[in-house]
Structure formats: C-alpha cells, structure tokens
C-alpha cells in the first residue's frame, strides 16, 4: 500500500506527514470533509527531508493484511473463546456471555497496545 503526502513538521528524527487522500479513501468519511488531504501520520526515520517536501510512504502488503486480521478477525475469535472458556468452566449462560465480552475487551486491549 502506497500513499503520498507533504512533510508538515520535523522534530529530530520524527517527521509528521499530511497524507493525500487516494482512491482507497473515496468511500471513507474518517477524515471529515472534501479536502484532498487525509490524516497526519507521524513516524521516525533516518531519511533527510524538509518541511514541504513531497514524500511517498509504503506499507508492505503483508503488514496491511496483518493489521486487518488484528482489527477484524482477532476480536470475534476472542469473543467466542471467552464464551467457550466460561461455558467449559461451568459458568451460567449469562456469565458465559460476560466472558465473551471480557474476551472482546482483551482483544481490543491487545490490538490497541501493539
């Protein structure tokens, strides 16, 4: 996945880039508005850049798939696992449902702490 943007700020080796919206953004309203720019992206790099430079950011397809799996597959699996674990331990159905939400909460905690 590749995206272009403009360097907005440089602090040491941390660079903030305002990304352009591309075709993958065409149906998403996360960035709010009709601007040609998307969200800011901050990262560390040893590459030399100046404020105003046009840069290209590339994320390996493997990493995009991994992120999608963490966001869309892992939480439901943890929810099911939480329910099944509570059920196997002999908890009531209501308690097993609470176990499923505990599994979901753990999945989100894990996903957002990466």
N, C-alpha and C. Protein backbone atom coordinates (compact mmCIF):
# COMPACT_ATOMS: atom_id res chain seq x y z
N UNK A 1 0.86 -1.17 0.00
CA UNK A 1 0.00 0.00 0.00
C UNK A 1 0.91 1.23 0.00
N UNK A 2 0.64 2.10 -0.90
CA UNK A 2 1.48 3.29 -1.08
C UNK A 2 0.62 4.54 -0.99
N UNK A 3 1.18 5.57 -0.37
CA UNK A 3 0.46 6.83 -0.26
C UNK A 3 1.45 7.98 -0.29
N UNK A 4 1.02 9.10 -0.83
CA UNK A 4 1.87 10.29 -0.90
C UNK A 4 1.38 11.33 0.10
N UNK A 5 2.31 12.19 0.51
CA UNK A 5 1.95 13.23 1.45
C UNK A 5 2.98 14.34 1.46
N UNK A 6 2.73 15.35 2.26
CA UNK A 6 3.62 16.50 2.38
C UNK A 6 4.13 16.57 3.81
N UNK A 7 5.44 16.75 3.95
CA UNK A 7 6.06 16.87 5.26
C UNK A 7 5.56 18.16 5.91
N UNK A 8 4.97 18.03 7.11
CA UNK A 8 4.42 19.17 7.83
C UNK A 8 5.33 19.66 8.94
N UNK A 9 6.01 18.71 9.61
CA UNK A 9 6.80 19.09 10.78
C UNK A 9 7.94 18.09 10.95
N UNK A 10 9.09 18.59 11.40
CA UNK A 10 10.24 17.75 11.68
C UNK A 10 10.77 18.12 13.06
N UNK A 11 10.90 17.12 13.92
CA UNK A 11 11.48 17.31 15.25
C UNK A 11 12.49 16.19 15.47
N UNK A 12 13.76 16.49 15.27
CA UNK A 12 14.79 15.46 15.38
C UNK A 12 14.62 14.45 14.26
N UNK A 13 14.43 13.18 14.64
CA UNK A 13 14.21 12.16 13.62
C UNK A 13 12.72 11.79 13.50
N UNK A 14 11.83 12.56 14.13
CA UNK A 14 10.38 12.36 14.00
C UNK A 14 9.83 13.31 12.95
N UNK A 15 9.08 12.75 12.01
CA UNK A 15 8.52 13.52 10.90
C UNK A 15 7.00 13.37 10.91
N UNK A 16 6.29 14.47 10.70
CA UNK A 16 4.84 14.43 10.56
C UNK A 16 4.51 14.72 9.10
N UNK A 17 3.75 13.81 8.50
CA UNK A 17 3.37 13.93 7.09
C UNK A 17 1.85 13.99 7.00
N UNK A 18 1.33 14.97 6.25
CA UNK A 18 -0.11 15.04 5.97
C UNK A 18 -0.32 14.28 4.67
N UNK A 19 -1.05 13.16 4.77
CA UNK A 19 -1.25 12.29 3.63
C UNK A 19 -2.33 12.83 2.70
N UNK A 20 -2.15 12.60 1.40
CA UNK A 20 -3.19 12.89 0.42
C UNK A 20 -4.22 11.77 0.50
N UNK A 21 -5.48 12.10 0.26
CA UNK A 21 -6.49 11.06 0.13
C UNK A 21 -6.27 10.39 -1.22
N UNK A 22 -6.36 9.08 -1.24
CA UNK A 22 -6.22 8.37 -2.51
C UNK A 22 -7.52 7.63 -2.82
N UNK A 23 -7.51 6.79 -3.83
CA UNK A 23 -8.73 6.11 -4.25
C UNK A 23 -9.28 5.20 -3.16
N UNK A 24 -8.42 4.66 -2.29
CA UNK A 24 -8.92 3.80 -1.22
C UNK A 24 -9.70 4.60 -0.18
N UNK A 25 -9.54 5.92 -0.19
CA UNK A 25 -10.26 6.78 0.76
C UNK A 25 -11.60 7.26 0.20
N UNK A 26 -11.91 6.94 -1.02
CA UNK A 26 -13.03 7.58 -1.68
C UNK A 26 -14.38 7.34 -1.00
N UNK A 27 -14.52 6.23 -0.27
CA UNK A 27 -15.80 5.94 0.36
C UNK A 27 -15.75 6.09 1.88
N UNK A 28 -14.67 6.63 2.39
CA UNK A 28 -14.49 6.74 3.83
C UNK A 28 -14.65 8.20 4.25
N UNK A 29 -15.35 8.43 5.33
CA UNK A 29 -15.53 9.80 5.82
C UNK A 29 -14.76 10.06 7.10
N UNK A 30 -13.76 9.23 7.42
CA UNK A 30 -12.99 9.38 8.64
C UNK A 30 -12.27 10.72 8.71
N UNK A 31 -11.85 11.25 7.59
CA UNK A 31 -11.08 12.48 7.59
C UNK A 31 -11.96 13.72 7.60
N UNK A 32 -13.27 13.55 7.51
CA UNK A 32 -14.24 14.65 7.60
C UNK A 32 -13.97 15.76 6.59
N UNK A 33 -14.71 15.75 5.54
CA UNK A 33 -14.63 16.87 4.62
C UNK A 33 -14.17 16.47 3.24
N UNK A 34 -14.24 17.45 2.37
CA UNK A 34 -13.91 17.23 0.97
C UNK A 34 -12.48 17.62 0.65
N UNK A 35 -11.67 17.87 1.65
CA UNK A 35 -10.28 18.24 1.43
C UNK A 35 -9.54 17.13 0.70
N UNK A 36 -8.49 17.51 -0.03
CA UNK A 36 -7.69 16.49 -0.72
C UNK A 36 -6.71 15.82 0.23
N UNK A 37 -6.65 16.29 1.48
CA UNK A 37 -5.73 15.73 2.46
C UNK A 37 -6.45 14.81 3.43
N UNK A 38 -5.73 13.79 3.87
CA UNK A 38 -6.23 12.89 4.90
C UNK A 38 -5.64 13.26 6.24
N UNK A 39 -5.43 12.27 7.06
CA UNK A 39 -4.91 12.49 8.41
C UNK A 39 -3.40 12.66 8.41
N UNK A 40 -2.91 13.20 9.52
CA UNK A 40 -1.47 13.31 9.72
C UNK A 40 -0.93 11.96 10.16
N UNK A 41 0.27 11.65 9.73
CA UNK A 41 0.94 10.39 10.06
C UNK A 41 2.31 10.74 10.60
N UNK A 42 2.61 10.30 11.81
CA UNK A 42 3.88 10.64 12.44
C UNK A 42 4.72 9.37 12.58
N UNK A 43 6.01 9.47 12.26
CA UNK A 43 6.89 8.31 12.35
C UNK A 43 8.33 8.77 12.51
N UNK A 44 9.19 7.80 12.84
CA UNK A 44 10.62 8.07 12.96
C UNK A 44 11.31 7.59 11.68
N UNK A 45 12.32 8.35 11.25
CA UNK A 45 13.08 7.97 10.07
C UNK A 45 14.48 8.56 10.16
N UNK A 46 15.39 7.93 9.44
CA UNK A 46 16.73 8.49 9.34
C UNK A 46 16.92 9.19 7.99
N UNK A 47 15.86 9.22 7.18
CA UNK A 47 15.91 9.89 5.88
C UNK A 47 15.87 11.40 6.09
N UNK A 48 16.54 12.11 5.21
CA UNK A 48 16.56 13.58 5.29
C UNK A 48 15.39 14.14 4.49
N UNK A 49 14.64 15.01 5.12
CA UNK A 49 13.51 15.66 4.45
C UNK A 49 13.38 17.06 5.01
N UNK A 50 12.69 17.91 4.25
CA UNK A 50 12.43 19.28 4.69
C UNK A 50 10.93 19.50 4.72
N UNK A 51 10.49 20.44 5.54
CA UNK A 51 9.07 20.80 5.58
C UNK A 51 8.66 21.23 4.18
N UNK A 52 7.54 20.69 3.70
CA UNK A 52 7.04 21.00 2.37
C UNK A 52 7.42 19.97 1.32
N UNK A 53 8.34 19.06 1.64
CA UNK A 53 8.73 18.02 0.69
C UNK A 53 7.58 17.07 0.43
N UNK A 54 7.47 16.61 -0.81
CA UNK A 54 6.51 15.58 -1.19
C UNK A 54 7.18 14.23 -0.96
N UNK A 55 6.56 13.37 -0.17
CA UNK A 55 7.14 12.07 0.15
C UNK A 55 6.15 10.96 -0.18
N UNK A 56 6.68 9.76 -0.37
CA UNK A 56 5.87 8.58 -0.61
C UNK A 56 6.09 7.61 0.54
N UNK A 57 5.01 7.18 1.16
CA UNK A 57 5.07 6.20 2.23
C UNK A 57 4.55 4.87 1.69
N UNK A 58 5.24 3.80 2.03
CA UNK A 58 4.81 2.50 1.56
C UNK A 58 4.76 1.53 2.73
N UNK A 59 3.65 0.81 2.82
CA UNK A 59 3.47 -0.21 3.84
C UNK A 59 3.36 -1.54 3.10
N UNK A 60 4.15 -2.51 3.52
CA UNK A 60 4.14 -3.82 2.87
C UNK A 60 2.74 -4.43 2.94
N UNK A 61 2.34 -5.10 1.87
CA UNK A 61 1.02 -5.71 1.80
C UNK A 61 0.81 -6.69 2.96
N UNK A 62 1.86 -7.38 3.34
CA UNK A 62 1.80 -8.31 4.46
C UNK A 62 1.38 -7.60 5.75
N UNK A 63 1.90 -6.39 5.96
CA UNK A 63 1.56 -5.63 7.16
C UNK A 63 0.11 -5.13 7.12
N UNK A 64 -0.39 -4.79 5.94
CA UNK A 64 -1.78 -4.36 5.80
C UNK A 64 -2.71 -5.52 6.14
N UNK A 65 -2.38 -6.71 5.64
CA UNK A 65 -3.20 -7.90 5.92
C UNK A 65 -3.14 -8.24 7.41
N UNK A 66 -1.97 -8.12 8.00
CA UNK A 66 -1.81 -8.39 9.43
C UNK A 66 -2.66 -7.42 10.26
N UNK A 67 -2.64 -6.15 9.90
CA UNK A 67 -3.44 -5.15 10.62
C UNK A 67 -4.93 -5.43 10.47
N UNK A 68 -5.35 -5.83 9.27
CA UNK A 68 -6.77 -6.15 9.05
C UNK A 68 -7.18 -7.35 9.88
N UNK A 69 -6.32 -8.35 9.97
CA UNK A 69 -6.63 -9.54 10.77
C UNK A 69 -6.76 -9.17 12.24
N UNK A 70 -5.86 -8.33 12.72
CA UNK A 70 -5.92 -7.92 14.13
C UNK A 70 -7.20 -7.13 14.40
N UNK A 71 -7.60 -6.30 13.45
CA UNK A 71 -8.77 -5.45 13.65
C UNK A 71 -10.10 -6.18 13.45
N UNK A 72 -10.16 -7.13 12.49
CA UNK A 72 -11.45 -7.71 12.11
C UNK A 72 -11.62 -9.18 12.46
N UNK A 73 -10.55 -9.94 12.62
CA UNK A 73 -10.67 -11.37 12.89
C UNK A 73 -10.40 -11.70 14.35
N UNK A 74 -9.37 -11.12 14.92
CA UNK A 74 -8.97 -11.42 16.29
C UNK A 74 -10.06 -11.12 17.33
N UNK A 75 -10.73 -9.96 17.30
CA UNK A 75 -11.76 -9.69 18.31
C UNK A 75 -12.92 -10.70 18.33
N UNK A 76 -13.51 -11.06 17.18
CA UNK A 76 -14.59 -12.06 17.25
C UNK A 76 -14.10 -13.42 17.75
N UNK A 77 -12.88 -13.80 17.37
CA UNK A 77 -12.35 -15.08 17.85
C UNK A 77 -12.17 -15.06 19.37
N UNK A 78 -11.68 -13.95 19.89
CA UNK A 78 -11.51 -13.83 21.34
C UNK A 78 -12.86 -13.80 22.05
N UNK A 79 -13.86 -13.22 21.41
CA UNK A 79 -15.19 -13.19 22.00
C UNK A 79 -15.74 -14.62 22.11
N UNK A 80 -15.58 -15.40 21.04
CA UNK A 80 -16.03 -16.80 21.05
C UNK A 80 -15.24 -17.60 22.08
N UNK A 81 -13.92 -17.38 22.12
CA UNK A 81 -13.08 -18.10 23.08
C UNK A 81 -13.48 -17.77 24.52
N UNK A 82 -13.78 -16.51 24.79
CA UNK A 82 -14.21 -16.11 26.13
C UNK A 82 -15.49 -16.80 26.54
N UNK A 83 -16.43 -16.89 25.60
CA UNK A 83 -17.70 -17.57 25.89
C UNK A 83 -17.47 -19.06 26.15
N UNK A 84 -16.71 -19.71 25.25
CA UNK A 84 -16.48 -21.14 25.38
C UNK A 84 -15.71 -21.49 26.66
N UNK A 85 -14.73 -20.68 27.00
CA UNK A 85 -13.96 -20.92 28.22
C UNK A 85 -14.85 -20.82 29.45
N UNK A 86 -15.67 -19.78 29.52
CA UNK A 86 -16.57 -19.63 30.66
C UNK A 86 -17.58 -20.77 30.71
N UNK A 87 -18.07 -21.20 29.55
CA UNK A 87 -19.02 -22.31 29.48
C UNK A 87 -18.37 -23.60 29.97
N UNK A 88 -17.15 -23.87 29.52
CA UNK A 88 -16.42 -25.09 29.93
C UNK A 88 -16.11 -25.09 31.43
N UNK A 89 -15.93 -23.91 31.99
CA UNK A 89 -15.64 -23.82 33.42
C UNK A 89 -16.91 -23.95 34.27
N UNK A 90 -18.06 -24.11 33.60
CA UNK A 90 -19.31 -24.37 34.31
C UNK A 90 -20.09 -23.13 34.71
N UNK A 91 -19.75 -22.00 34.15
CA UNK A 91 -20.49 -20.79 34.46
C UNK A 91 -21.85 -20.82 33.77
N UNK A 92 -22.79 -20.03 34.28
CA UNK A 92 -24.12 -19.95 33.67
C UNK A 92 -24.01 -19.28 32.30
N UNK A 93 -25.12 -19.34 31.57
CA UNK A 93 -25.12 -18.73 30.23
C UNK A 93 -24.87 -17.22 30.31
N UNK A 94 -25.50 -16.56 31.26
CA UNK A 94 -25.28 -15.11 31.41
C UNK A 94 -23.82 -14.80 31.74
N UNK A 95 -23.23 -15.61 32.61
CA UNK A 95 -21.82 -15.41 32.95
C UNK A 95 -20.92 -15.72 31.76
N UNK A 96 -21.31 -16.70 30.95
CA UNK A 96 -20.54 -17.02 29.75
C UNK A 96 -20.60 -15.86 28.75
N UNK A 97 -21.75 -15.22 28.67
CA UNK A 97 -21.88 -14.05 27.80
C UNK A 97 -20.97 -12.93 28.30
N UNK A 98 -20.92 -12.75 29.60
CA UNK A 98 -19.98 -11.77 30.17
C UNK A 98 -18.54 -12.16 29.85
N UNK A 99 -18.26 -13.47 29.87
CA UNK A 99 -16.93 -13.96 29.49
C UNK A 99 -16.60 -13.63 28.05
N UNK A 100 -17.61 -13.68 27.18
CA UNK A 100 -17.36 -13.33 25.78
C UNK A 100 -17.00 -11.85 25.64
N UNK A 101 -17.67 -11.00 26.42
CA UNK A 101 -17.34 -9.58 26.37
C UNK A 101 -15.98 -9.30 27.00
N UNK A 102 -15.61 -10.10 28.00
CA UNK A 102 -14.27 -9.98 28.57
C UNK A 102 -13.22 -10.34 27.52
N UNK A 103 -13.49 -11.42 26.76
CA UNK A 103 -12.59 -11.81 25.67
C UNK A 103 -12.49 -10.71 24.62
N UNK A 104 -13.61 -10.09 24.30
CA UNK A 104 -13.62 -8.99 23.33
C UNK A 104 -12.81 -7.81 23.86
N UNK A 105 -13.00 -7.49 25.13
CA UNK A 105 -12.23 -6.39 25.74
C UNK A 105 -10.74 -6.67 25.72
N UNK A 106 -10.36 -7.91 26.03
CA UNK A 106 -8.94 -8.27 25.99
C UNK A 106 -8.38 -8.16 24.57
N UNK A 107 -9.19 -8.54 23.59
CA UNK A 107 -8.75 -8.44 22.19
C UNK A 107 -8.50 -6.99 21.81
N UNK A 108 -9.41 -6.10 22.17
CA UNK A 108 -9.22 -4.69 21.84
C UNK A 108 -8.03 -4.10 22.60
N UNK A 109 -7.87 -4.50 23.86
CA UNK A 109 -6.72 -4.04 24.63
C UNK A 109 -5.43 -4.48 23.94
N UNK A 110 -5.39 -5.72 23.52
CA UNK A 110 -4.19 -6.26 22.86
C UNK A 110 -3.98 -5.58 21.50
N UNK A 111 -5.04 -5.41 20.74
CA UNK A 111 -4.92 -4.82 19.40
C UNK A 111 -4.42 -3.38 19.47
N UNK A 112 -4.90 -2.61 20.44
CA UNK A 112 -4.52 -1.20 20.50
C UNK A 112 -3.24 -0.95 21.29
N UNK A 113 -2.70 -2.00 21.91
CA UNK A 113 -1.43 -1.83 22.63
C UNK A 113 -0.24 -2.24 21.78
N UNK A 114 -0.49 -2.66 20.54
CA UNK A 114 0.61 -3.07 19.65
C UNK A 114 1.33 -1.87 19.10
